Amino acid sequence: MTTIHEIEQAINLLAPEDFCALRNWIAQRDAQLWDQQWESDVRAGRLDALAREALDELHRGQCYNRLIH
């Protein structure tokens, strides 16, 4: 297995266009992992309390005020 230090050294040797391609790939991979975690959290109900709180604030008319202040 390659170490982080070795990966960093290899990245430093990349041509600018290859570095750009790598950066785009990392951004896409990060978004994919984020989406997977989000979906997992939703399925497990870990966001239910936050959703209820947001809906309660919306019904009390507090969403707009919170954005302003």
Protein backbone atom coordinates (compact mmCIF):
# COMPACT_ATOMS: atom_id res chain seq x y z
CA MET A 1 0.00 0.00 0.00
CA THR A 2 1.22 3.46 -0.88
CA THR A 3 1.59 5.95 1.95
CA ILE A 4 0.12 9.42 1.97
CA HIS A 5 3.63 10.83 1.80
CA GLU A 6 4.35 8.84 -1.36
CA ILE A 7 1.07 9.98 -2.89
CA GLU A 8 1.89 13.61 -2.07
CA GLN A 9 5.30 13.25 -3.70
CA ALA A 10 3.74 11.74 -6.83
CA ILE A 11 1.15 14.53 -7.00
CA ASN A 12 3.92 17.13 -6.83
CA LEU A 13 5.40 15.61 -9.99
CA LEU A 14 2.19 15.85 -12.01
CA ALA A 15 1.90 18.15 -14.99
CA PRO A 16 -0.62 20.95 -14.40
CA GLU A 17 -3.26 19.37 -16.66
CA ASP A 18 -2.88 16.02 -14.87
CA PHE A 19 -3.13 17.75 -11.51
CA CYS A 20 -6.33 19.44 -12.69
CA ALA A 21 -7.75 16.08 -13.79
CA LEU A 22 -6.85 14.57 -10.42
CA ARG A 23 -8.43 17.48 -8.57
CA ASN A 24 -11.65 17.02 -10.55
CA TRP A 25 -11.64 13.28 -9.86
CA ILE A 26 -11.14 13.89 -6.12
CA ALA A 27 -14.00 16.41 -6.07
CA GLN A 28 -16.30 13.92 -7.81
CA ARG A 29 -15.24 11.11 -5.47
CA ASP A 30 -15.77 13.33 -2.43
CA ALA A 31 -19.27 14.24 -3.64
CA GLN A 32 -20.05 10.57 -4.24
CA LEU A 33 -18.93 9.61 -0.71
CA TRP A 34 -20.92 12.52 0.75
CA ASP A 35 -24.05 11.38 -1.13
CA GLN A 36 -23.59 7.81 0.09
CA GLN A 37 -23.23 8.98 3.70
CA TRP A 38 -26.25 11.26 3.37
CA GLU A 39 -28.39 8.44 1.98
CA SER A 40 -27.22 6.10 4.72
CA ASP A 41 -28.03 8.68 7.40
CA VAL A 42 -31.49 9.28 5.91
CA ARG A 43 -32.27 5.54 5.73
CA ALA A 44 -31.11 5.10 9.33
CA GLY A 45 -33.29 7.99 10.53
CA ARG A 46 -30.32 9.98 11.84
CA LEU A 47 -31.69 13.17 10.24
CA ASP A 48 -35.30 12.78 11.35
CA ALA A 49 -34.95 15.04 14.39
CA LEU A 50 -33.38 17.79 12.29
CA ALA A 51 -36.14 17.50 9.70
CA ARG A 52 -38.82 17.73 12.40
CA GLU A 53 -37.12 20.77 13.93
CA ALA A 54 -36.92 22.51 10.54
CA LEU A 55 -40.58 21.78 9.78
CA ASP A 56 -41.64 23.00 13.23
CA GLU A 57 -39.75 26.25 12.68
CA LEU A 58 -41.29 26.62 9.25
CA HIS A 59 -44.81 26.15 10.66
CA ARG A 60 -44.08 28.70 13.40
CA GLY A 61 -42.88 31.16 10.76
CA GLN A 62 -39.37 31.27 12.16
CA CYS A 63 -37.43 30.29 9.04
CA TYR A 64 -37.44 33.74 7.48
CA ASN A 65 -36.48 35.48 10.73
CA ARG A 66 -33.57 33.11 11.29
CA LEU A 67 -32.21 33.92 7.82
CA ILE A 68 -32.41 37.67 8.43
CA HIS A 69 -30.81 37.65 11.87
